[in-house]
Amino acid sequence: MPRRDYEDDPQAPKANSLVPAASAVVVDEAGRVLLQRRTDNGMWALPGGKMEVGESLGECAVRETFEETGVTVEITGIVGTYSNPGHVFSYDDGEVRQEFSICLLARPIGGTLRVSDESTEVAWFAPEAVDGLPMVPSIRKRIDDWRAGRGPVVR
């Protein structure tokens, strides 16, 4: 389902849902970060998604990373919490979700890179190569916070 991101946009629709979510900055031994190109907006992003009933935040990040990229990870820390009420995502079905995401730090422990129904490309990037990639500002903030060693941050 196509998604449109609005951040601090006065024309944005009003949020009608709040869903806990987790994302992961996955860093390999070479210092590269794992990203996926999303099918719903065509932008590069960290793996992540909504938390399911019965799972922990860490389990959510591990599950979502594997589902979207084929990589199995171990959680090693926290990058930050992101809950800007001015950042909403609208979906074709009428849902307008307010941002509520915890970004965790992880390292790969297995698996093989692959795309999913939520991604068209999956790849490892040197941190400086991320700057030129198209991505929504909220994802760039998470990556910038990790690169700057600011964590854990609360935004």
N, C-alpha and C. Protein backbone atom coordinates (compact mmCIF):
# COMPACT_ATOMS: atom_id res chain seq x y z
N MET A 1 0.86 -1.17 0.00
CA MET A 1 0.00 0.00 0.00
C MET A 1 0.90 1.23 0.00
N PRO A 2 0.73 2.15 -0.96
CA PRO A 2 1.56 3.36 -1.02
C PRO A 2 1.46 4.18 0.27
N ARG A 3 2.59 4.81 0.58
CA ARG A 3 2.70 5.59 1.81
C ARG A 3 3.26 6.96 1.44
N ARG A 4 2.73 7.97 2.12
CA ARG A 4 3.26 9.32 1.94
C ARG A 4 3.65 9.85 3.30
N ASP A 5 4.88 10.37 3.38
CA ASP A 5 5.39 10.93 4.64
C ASP A 5 5.21 12.44 4.64
N TYR A 6 4.81 12.96 5.78
CA TYR A 6 4.71 14.41 6.01
C TYR A 6 5.49 14.71 7.28
N GLU A 7 6.36 15.68 7.23
CA GLU A 7 7.07 16.07 8.44
C GLU A 7 6.99 17.57 8.62
N ASP A 8 6.32 17.98 9.70
CA ASP A 8 6.12 19.39 10.02
C ASP A 8 5.53 20.15 8.83
N ASP A 9 4.56 19.52 8.18
CA ASP A 9 3.90 20.08 7.01
C ASP A 9 2.49 20.52 7.42
N PRO A 10 2.19 21.83 7.31
CA PRO A 10 0.85 22.29 7.72
C PRO A 10 -0.27 21.70 6.86
N GLN A 11 0.05 21.17 5.69
CA GLN A 11 -0.96 20.55 4.82
C GLN A 11 -1.17 19.06 5.12
N ALA A 12 -0.43 18.53 6.09
CA ALA A 12 -0.53 17.10 6.40
C ALA A 12 -1.90 16.77 6.98
N PRO A 13 -2.41 15.58 6.66
CA PRO A 13 -3.66 15.16 7.30
C PRO A 13 -3.43 14.89 8.78
N LYS A 14 -4.50 14.93 9.55
CA LYS A 14 -4.43 14.68 10.99
C LYS A 14 -4.25 13.18 11.25
N ALA A 15 -3.40 12.87 12.21
CA ALA A 15 -3.17 11.47 12.58
C ALA A 15 -4.44 10.85 13.15
N ASN A 16 -4.68 9.58 12.83
CA ASN A 16 -5.80 8.85 13.41
C ASN A 16 -5.36 7.52 14.01
N SER A 17 -4.03 7.28 14.06
CA SER A 17 -3.53 6.08 14.73
C SER A 17 -2.11 6.32 15.25
N LEU A 18 -1.76 5.54 16.23
CA LEU A 18 -0.44 5.56 16.83
C LEU A 18 -0.03 4.11 17.02
N VAL A 19 1.04 3.70 16.34
CA VAL A 19 1.45 2.30 16.33
C VAL A 19 2.91 2.19 16.75
N PRO A 20 3.21 1.44 17.82
CA PRO A 20 4.61 1.26 18.19
C PRO A 20 5.37 0.54 17.08
N ALA A 21 6.58 1.03 16.79
CA ALA A 21 7.39 0.44 15.74
C ALA A 21 8.85 0.42 16.16
N ALA A 22 9.61 -0.44 15.52
CA ALA A 22 11.05 -0.52 15.76
C ALA A 22 11.77 -0.52 14.43
N SER A 23 12.93 0.12 14.40
CA SER A 23 13.81 0.04 13.25
C SER A 23 15.19 -0.32 13.76
N ALA A 24 16.08 -0.68 12.84
CA ALA A 24 17.42 -1.10 13.25
C ALA A 24 18.48 -0.50 12.36
N VAL A 25 19.50 0.08 13.00
CA VAL A 25 20.73 0.44 12.31
C VAL A 25 21.61 -0.80 12.46
N VAL A 26 21.72 -1.56 11.37
CA VAL A 26 22.51 -2.78 11.37
C VAL A 26 23.88 -2.45 10.78
N VAL A 27 24.93 -2.69 11.56
CA VAL A 27 26.28 -2.33 11.15
C VAL A 27 27.13 -3.59 11.11
N ASP A 28 27.77 -3.83 9.96
CA ASP A 28 28.61 -5.03 9.83
C ASP A 28 30.03 -4.75 10.32
N GLU A 29 30.89 -5.77 10.26
CA GLU A 29 32.27 -5.66 10.76
C GLU A 29 33.08 -4.60 10.01
N ALA A 30 32.69 -4.30 8.78
CA ALA A 30 33.39 -3.29 7.98
C ALA A 30 32.87 -1.87 8.26
N GLY A 31 31.87 -1.76 9.14
CA GLY A 31 31.31 -0.46 9.47
C GLY A 31 30.23 0.01 8.50
N ARG A 32 29.79 -0.88 7.63
CA ARG A 32 28.74 -0.53 6.67
C ARG A 32 27.36 -0.70 7.31
N VAL A 33 26.40 0.08 6.80
CA VAL A 33 25.03 0.05 7.33
C VAL A 33 24.12 -0.62 6.30
N LEU A 34 23.17 -1.40 6.80
CA LEU A 34 22.22 -2.13 5.97
C LEU A 34 21.00 -1.27 5.69
N LEU A 35 20.67 -1.11 4.40
CA LEU A 35 19.49 -0.34 4.01
C LEU A 35 18.67 -1.12 3.00
N GLN A 36 17.40 -0.78 2.95
CA GLN A 36 16.49 -1.35 1.95
C GLN A 36 15.80 -0.22 1.20
N ARG A 37 15.49 -0.45 -0.06
CA ARG A 37 14.69 0.51 -0.83
C ARG A 37 13.25 0.03 -0.74
N ARG A 38 12.39 0.86 -0.15
CA ARG A 38 11.01 0.48 0.15
C ARG A 38 10.14 0.45 -1.11
N THR A 39 9.22 -0.50 -1.15
CA THR A 39 8.29 -0.57 -2.26
C THR A 39 7.18 0.48 -2.14
N ASP A 40 6.86 0.92 -0.91
CA ASP A 40 5.72 1.82 -0.74
C ASP A 40 6.03 3.28 -1.03
N ASN A 41 7.31 3.68 -1.00
CA ASN A 41 7.62 5.07 -1.33
C ASN A 41 8.88 5.23 -2.18
N GLY A 42 9.56 4.12 -2.50
CA GLY A 42 10.74 4.17 -3.36
C GLY A 42 11.98 4.74 -2.71
N MET A 43 11.92 5.02 -1.42
CA MET A 43 13.05 5.62 -0.71
C MET A 43 13.87 4.56 0.02
N TRP A 44 15.14 4.89 0.27
CA TRP A 44 16.00 4.02 1.07
C TRP A 44 15.65 4.21 2.54
N ALA A 45 15.69 3.13 3.30
CA ALA A 45 15.30 3.18 4.70
C ALA A 45 16.01 2.09 5.49
N LEU A 46 15.98 2.25 6.79
CA LEU A 46 16.41 1.20 7.70
C LEU A 46 15.34 0.12 7.73
N PRO A 47 15.71 -1.12 7.97
CA PRO A 47 14.67 -2.13 8.15
C PRO A 47 13.89 -1.83 9.43
N GLY A 48 12.61 -2.12 9.40
CA GLY A 48 11.80 -1.90 10.59
C GLY A 48 10.33 -1.95 10.26
N GLY A 49 9.52 -1.90 11.32
CA GLY A 49 8.09 -1.92 11.13
C GLY A 49 7.37 -2.01 12.45
N LYS A 50 6.06 -2.24 12.35
CA LYS A 50 5.23 -2.19 13.56
C LYS A 50 5.42 -3.41 14.44
N MET A 51 5.31 -3.14 15.72
CA MET A 51 5.44 -4.17 16.74
C MET A 51 4.15 -4.98 16.80
N GLU A 52 4.30 -6.29 16.94
CA GLU A 52 3.15 -7.18 17.03
C GLU A 52 2.85 -7.50 18.50
N VAL A 53 1.60 -7.79 18.79
CA VAL A 53 1.21 -8.20 20.14
C VAL A 53 1.98 -9.47 20.49
N GLY A 54 2.53 -9.50 21.69
CA GLY A 54 3.25 -10.69 22.16
C GLY A 54 4.74 -10.67 21.89
N GLU A 55 5.26 -9.61 21.28
CA GLU A 55 6.70 -9.56 21.06
C GLU A 55 7.30 -8.34 21.75
N SER A 56 8.58 -8.44 22.06
CA SER A 56 9.30 -7.32 22.65
C SER A 56 9.76 -6.39 21.53
N LEU A 57 10.21 -5.22 21.92
CA LEU A 57 10.74 -4.27 20.96
C LEU A 57 11.93 -4.85 20.20
N GLY A 58 12.84 -5.50 20.93
CA GLY A 58 13.99 -6.13 20.28
C GLY A 58 13.58 -7.22 19.32
N GLU A 59 12.62 -8.04 19.73
CA GLU A 59 12.12 -9.10 18.84
C GLU A 59 11.51 -8.50 17.58
N CYS A 60 10.82 -7.38 17.72
CA CYS A 60 10.24 -6.70 16.57
C CYS A 60 11.33 -6.29 15.58
N ALA A 61 12.39 -5.66 16.07
CA ALA A 61 13.47 -5.22 15.19
C ALA A 61 14.16 -6.39 14.52
N VAL A 62 14.38 -7.47 15.26
CA VAL A 62 15.01 -8.67 14.69
C VAL A 62 14.12 -9.27 13.61
N ARG A 63 12.82 -9.41 13.90
CA ARG A 63 11.87 -9.99 12.94
C ARG A 63 11.78 -9.15 11.68
N GLU A 64 11.57 -7.85 11.86
CA GLU A 64 11.41 -6.96 10.71
C GLU A 64 12.67 -6.94 9.84
N THR A 65 13.84 -6.93 10.48
CA THR A 65 15.09 -6.93 9.71
C THR A 65 15.19 -8.19 8.88
N PHE A 66 14.89 -9.34 9.48
CA PHE A 66 14.96 -10.59 8.73
C PHE A 66 13.93 -10.62 7.61
N GLU A 67 12.68 -10.24 7.92
CA GLU A 67 11.63 -10.27 6.90
C GLU A 67 11.96 -9.39 5.70
N GLU A 68 12.52 -8.21 5.96
CA GLU A 68 12.73 -7.24 4.89
C GLU A 68 14.07 -7.37 4.17
N THR A 69 15.07 -8.00 4.82
CA THR A 69 16.41 -8.03 4.21
C THR A 69 17.03 -9.41 4.11
N GLY A 70 16.51 -10.40 4.85
CA GLY A 70 17.12 -11.73 4.88
C GLY A 70 18.27 -11.86 5.85
N VAL A 71 18.59 -10.79 6.58
CA VAL A 71 19.71 -10.79 7.51
C VAL A 71 19.21 -11.02 8.94
N THR A 72 19.82 -11.95 9.64
CA THR A 72 19.53 -12.19 11.05
C THR A 72 20.46 -11.31 11.88
N VAL A 73 19.89 -10.63 12.88
CA VAL A 73 20.69 -9.69 13.66
C VAL A 73 20.58 -9.95 15.15
N GLU A 74 21.53 -9.38 15.87
CA GLU A 74 21.53 -9.35 17.32
C GLU A 74 21.51 -7.88 17.74
N ILE A 75 20.61 -7.54 18.65
CA ILE A 75 20.50 -6.16 19.12
C ILE A 75 21.67 -5.88 20.07
N THR A 76 22.33 -4.73 19.86
CA THR A 76 23.49 -4.38 20.68
C THR A 76 23.33 -3.06 21.43
N GLY A 77 22.27 -2.29 21.11
CA GLY A 77 22.09 -1.01 21.78
C GLY A 77 20.88 -0.27 21.26
N ILE A 78 20.81 0.99 21.62
CA ILE A 78 19.70 1.84 21.18
C ILE A 78 20.26 3.12 20.57
N VAL A 79 19.71 3.49 19.43
CA VAL A 79 20.08 4.74 18.78
C VAL A 79 19.23 5.87 19.34
N GLY A 80 17.91 5.64 19.45
CA GLY A 80 17.06 6.67 20.01
C GLY A 80 15.59 6.36 19.86
N THR A 81 14.77 7.27 20.40
CA THR A 81 13.32 7.19 20.28
C THR A 81 12.86 8.37 19.42
N TYR A 82 11.90 8.11 18.57
CA TYR A 82 11.44 9.10 17.60
C TYR A 82 9.92 9.15 17.63
N SER A 83 9.38 10.27 18.12
CA SER A 83 7.92 10.36 18.30
C SER A 83 7.42 11.76 17.98
N ASN A 84 7.91 12.35 16.93
CA ASN A 84 7.49 13.69 16.51
C ASN A 84 6.02 13.67 16.09
N PRO A 85 5.12 14.34 16.82
CA PRO A 85 3.70 14.35 16.42
C PRO A 85 3.48 15.09 15.11
N GLY A 86 4.47 15.85 14.66
CA GLY A 86 4.38 16.53 13.37
C GLY A 86 4.81 15.66 12.21
N HIS A 87 5.23 14.43 12.49
CA HIS A 87 5.60 13.49 11.43
C HIS A 87 4.54 12.42 11.34
N VAL A 88 3.82 12.41 10.23
CA VAL A 88 2.77 11.41 10.01
C VAL A 88 2.98 10.73 8.67
N PHE A 89 2.45 9.52 8.57
CA PHE A 89 2.46 8.75 7.33
C PHE A 89 1.01 8.52 6.94
N SER A 90 0.67 8.82 5.70
CA SER A 90 -0.70 8.52 5.25
C SER A 90 -0.66 7.34 4.30
N TYR A 91 -1.69 6.51 4.41
CA TYR A 91 -1.81 5.32 3.58
C TYR A 91 -3.10 5.41 2.77
N ASP A 92 -3.15 4.68 1.66
CA ASP A 92 -4.31 4.70 0.77
C ASP A 92 -5.60 4.25 1.45
N ASP A 93 -5.50 3.45 2.51
CA ASP A 93 -6.71 2.95 3.18
C ASP A 93 -7.31 3.95 4.16
N GLY A 94 -6.71 5.17 4.25
CA GLY A 94 -7.24 6.20 5.14
C GLY A 94 -6.52 6.32 6.47
N GLU A 95 -5.66 5.35 6.78
CA GLU A 95 -4.89 5.45 8.02
C GLU A 95 -3.87 6.58 7.89
N VAL A 96 -3.77 7.39 8.94
CA VAL A 96 -2.74 8.42 9.04
C VAL A 96 -2.06 8.19 10.38
N ARG A 97 -0.85 7.67 10.32
CA ARG A 97 -0.15 7.20 11.51
C ARG A 97 0.85 8.24 12.01
N GLN A 98 0.77 8.56 13.29
CA GLN A 98 1.77 9.43 13.92
C GLN A 98 3.02 8.60 14.18
N GLU A 99 4.18 9.21 13.97
CA GLU A 99 5.45 8.53 14.21
C GLU A 99 5.58 8.12 15.69
N PHE A 100 5.96 6.88 15.91
CA PHE A 100 6.31 6.38 17.24
C PHE A 100 7.24 5.21 17.03
N SER A 101 8.54 5.46 17.00
CA SER A 101 9.50 4.43 16.66
C SER A 101 10.71 4.47 17.58
N ILE A 102 11.16 3.30 17.93
CA ILE A 102 12.40 3.14 18.67
C ILE A 102 13.41 2.57 17.69
N CYS A 103 14.56 3.22 17.56
CA CYS A 103 15.60 2.76 16.65
C CYS A 103 16.69 2.09 17.46
N LEU A 104 16.94 0.83 17.15
CA LEU A 104 17.92 0.03 17.86
C LEU A 104 19.18 -0.15 17.03
N LEU A 105 20.28 -0.44 17.67
CA LEU A 105 21.54 -0.74 17.01
C LEU A 105 21.69 -2.26 16.99
N ALA A 106 22.17 -2.80 15.88
CA ALA A 106 22.28 -4.25 15.75
C ALA A 106 23.51 -4.62 14.92
N ARG A 107 23.88 -5.89 15.04
CA ARG A 107 24.96 -6.43 14.21
C ARG A 107 24.46 -7.70 13.55
N PRO A 108 24.92 -7.97 12.32
CA PRO A 108 24.47 -9.18 11.62
C PRO A 108 25.12 -10.42 12.23
N ILE A 109 24.35 -11.49 12.33
CA ILE A 109 24.88 -12.76 12.83
C ILE A 109 24.58 -13.92 11.88
N GLY A 110 23.91 -13.63 10.76
CA GLY A 110 23.62 -14.69 9.80
C GLY A 110 22.69 -14.20 8.71
N GLY A 111 22.26 -15.15 7.89
CA GLY A 111 21.33 -14.84 6.82
C GLY A 111 22.04 -14.45 5.53
N THR A 112 21.21 -14.20 4.51
CA THR A 112 21.70 -13.82 3.19
C THR A 112 20.84 -12.68 2.68
N LEU A 113 21.49 -11.63 2.15
CA LEU A 113 20.74 -10.49 1.62
C LEU A 113 19.73 -10.94 0.58
N ARG A 114 18.52 -10.42 0.70
CA ARG A 114 17.46 -10.68 -0.28
C ARG A 114 16.41 -9.60 -0.16
N VAL A 115 15.67 -9.38 -1.23
CA VAL A 115 14.56 -8.44 -1.18
C VAL A 115 13.33 -9.17 -0.67
N SER A 116 12.30 -8.39 -0.33
CA SER A 116 11.03 -8.94 0.14
C SER A 116 9.91 -8.23 -0.59
N ASP A 117 8.67 -8.51 -0.17
CA ASP A 117 7.55 -7.79 -0.77
C ASP A 117 7.52 -6.34 -0.31
N GLU A 118 8.35 -5.97 0.67
CA GLU A 118 8.42 -4.59 1.15
C GLU A 118 9.65 -3.85 0.64
N SER A 119 10.53 -4.55 -0.10
CA SER A 119 11.76 -3.91 -0.58
C SER A 119 12.04 -4.30 -2.03
N THR A 120 12.63 -3.35 -2.77
CA THR A 120 13.03 -3.64 -4.15
C THR A 120 14.53 -3.82 -4.26
N GLU A 121 15.28 -3.28 -3.30
CA GLU A 121 16.73 -3.44 -3.24
C GLU A 121 17.13 -3.52 -1.77
N VAL A 122 18.18 -4.28 -1.50
CA VAL A 122 18.76 -4.36 -0.16
C VAL A 122 20.27 -4.35 -0.35
N ALA A 123 20.98 -3.50 0.42
CA ALA A 123 22.42 -3.39 0.23
C ALA A 123 23.10 -2.83 1.48
N TRP A 124 24.41 -3.08 1.55
CA TRP A 124 25.27 -2.51 2.58
C TRP A 124 25.91 -1.25 2.02
N PHE A 125 25.98 -0.19 2.83
CA PHE A 125 26.55 1.08 2.40
C PHE A 125 27.57 1.58 3.41
N ALA A 126 28.69 2.11 2.91
CA ALA A 126 29.61 2.84 3.78
C ALA A 126 28.84 4.06 4.29
N PRO A 127 29.06 4.47 5.54
CA PRO A 127 28.29 5.59 6.10
C PRO A 127 28.28 6.84 5.23
N GLU A 128 29.42 7.19 4.62
CA GLU A 128 29.47 8.39 3.79
C GLU A 128 28.69 8.24 2.48
N ALA A 129 28.45 7.02 2.03
CA ALA A 129 27.69 6.79 0.80
C ALA A 129 26.19 7.01 1.00
N VAL A 130 25.74 7.03 2.24
CA VAL A 130 24.31 7.20 2.54
C VAL A 130 23.84 8.61 2.23
N ASP A 131 24.75 9.59 2.32
CA ASP A 131 24.37 11.00 2.14
C ASP A 131 23.68 11.27 0.81
N GLY A 132 24.05 10.58 -0.24
CA GLY A 132 23.48 10.83 -1.56
C GLY A 132 22.25 10.02 -1.89
N LEU A 133 21.81 9.18 -0.97
CA LEU A 133 20.65 8.33 -1.24
C LEU A 133 19.34 9.05 -0.93
N PRO A 134 18.31 8.83 -1.75
CA PRO A 134 17.00 9.40 -1.44
C PRO A 134 16.38 8.69 -0.25
N MET A 135 16.03 9.46 0.80
CA MET A 135 15.35 8.91 1.97
C MET A 135 14.58 10.01 2.67
N VAL A 136 13.57 9.61 3.40
CA VAL A 136 12.76 10.59 4.13
C VAL A 136 13.60 11.17 5.27
N PRO A 137 13.33 12.42 5.67
CA PRO A 137 14.13 13.06 6.71
C PRO A 137 14.19 12.29 8.03
N SER A 138 13.12 11.63 8.43
CA SER A 138 13.14 10.93 9.72
C SER A 138 14.13 9.76 9.72
N ILE A 139 14.30 9.09 8.61
CA ILE A 139 15.28 8.01 8.51
C ILE A 139 16.69 8.59 8.52
N ARG A 140 16.87 9.68 7.79
CA ARG A 140 18.18 10.34 7.76
C ARG A 140 18.57 10.79 9.18
N LYS A 141 17.61 11.27 9.97
CA LYS A 141 17.90 11.66 11.36
C LYS A 141 18.45 10.49 12.16
N ARG A 142 17.84 9.33 12.02
CA ARG A 142 18.29 8.16 12.76
C ARG A 142 19.72 7.79 12.36
N ILE A 143 19.99 7.80 11.07
CA ILE A 143 21.33 7.46 10.59
C ILE A 143 22.33 8.52 11.05
N ASP A 144 21.95 9.79 10.97
CA ASP A 144 22.84 10.87 11.43
C ASP A 144 23.10 10.77 12.93
N ASP A 145 22.07 10.43 13.71
CA ASP A 145 22.26 10.27 15.16
C ASP A 145 23.24 9.13 15.44
N TRP A 146 23.11 8.02 14.72
CA TRP A 146 24.03 6.90 14.90
C TRP A 146 25.45 7.32 14.50
N ARG A 147 25.60 7.95 13.34
CA ARG A 147 26.93 8.34 12.85
C ARG A 147 27.61 9.32 13.80
N ALA A 148 26.83 10.21 14.42
CA ALA A 148 27.39 11.20 15.32
C ALA A 148 27.63 10.65 16.72
N GLY A 149 27.17 9.41 16.98
CA GLY A 149 27.34 8.83 18.29
C GLY A 149 26.52 9.53 19.36
N ARG A 150 25.38 10.10 18.96
CA ARG A 150 24.54 10.87 19.89
C ARG A 150 23.71 10.00 20.81
N GLY A 151 23.53 8.75 20.48
CA GLY A 151 22.56 7.91 21.15
C GLY A 151 22.79 7.67 22.62
N PRO A 152 21.76 7.27 23.32
CA PRO A 152 20.40 7.28 22.80
C PRO A 152 19.79 8.69 22.87
N VAL A 153 19.12 9.04 21.79
CA VAL A 153 18.46 10.36 21.72
C VAL A 153 16.96 10.18 21.88
N VAL A 154 16.31 11.26 22.27
CA VAL A 154 14.85 11.28 22.35
C VAL A 154 14.38 12.44 21.49
N ARG A 155 13.65 12.11 20.45
CA ARG A 155 13.14 13.14 19.53
C ARG A 155 11.65 13.01 19.40
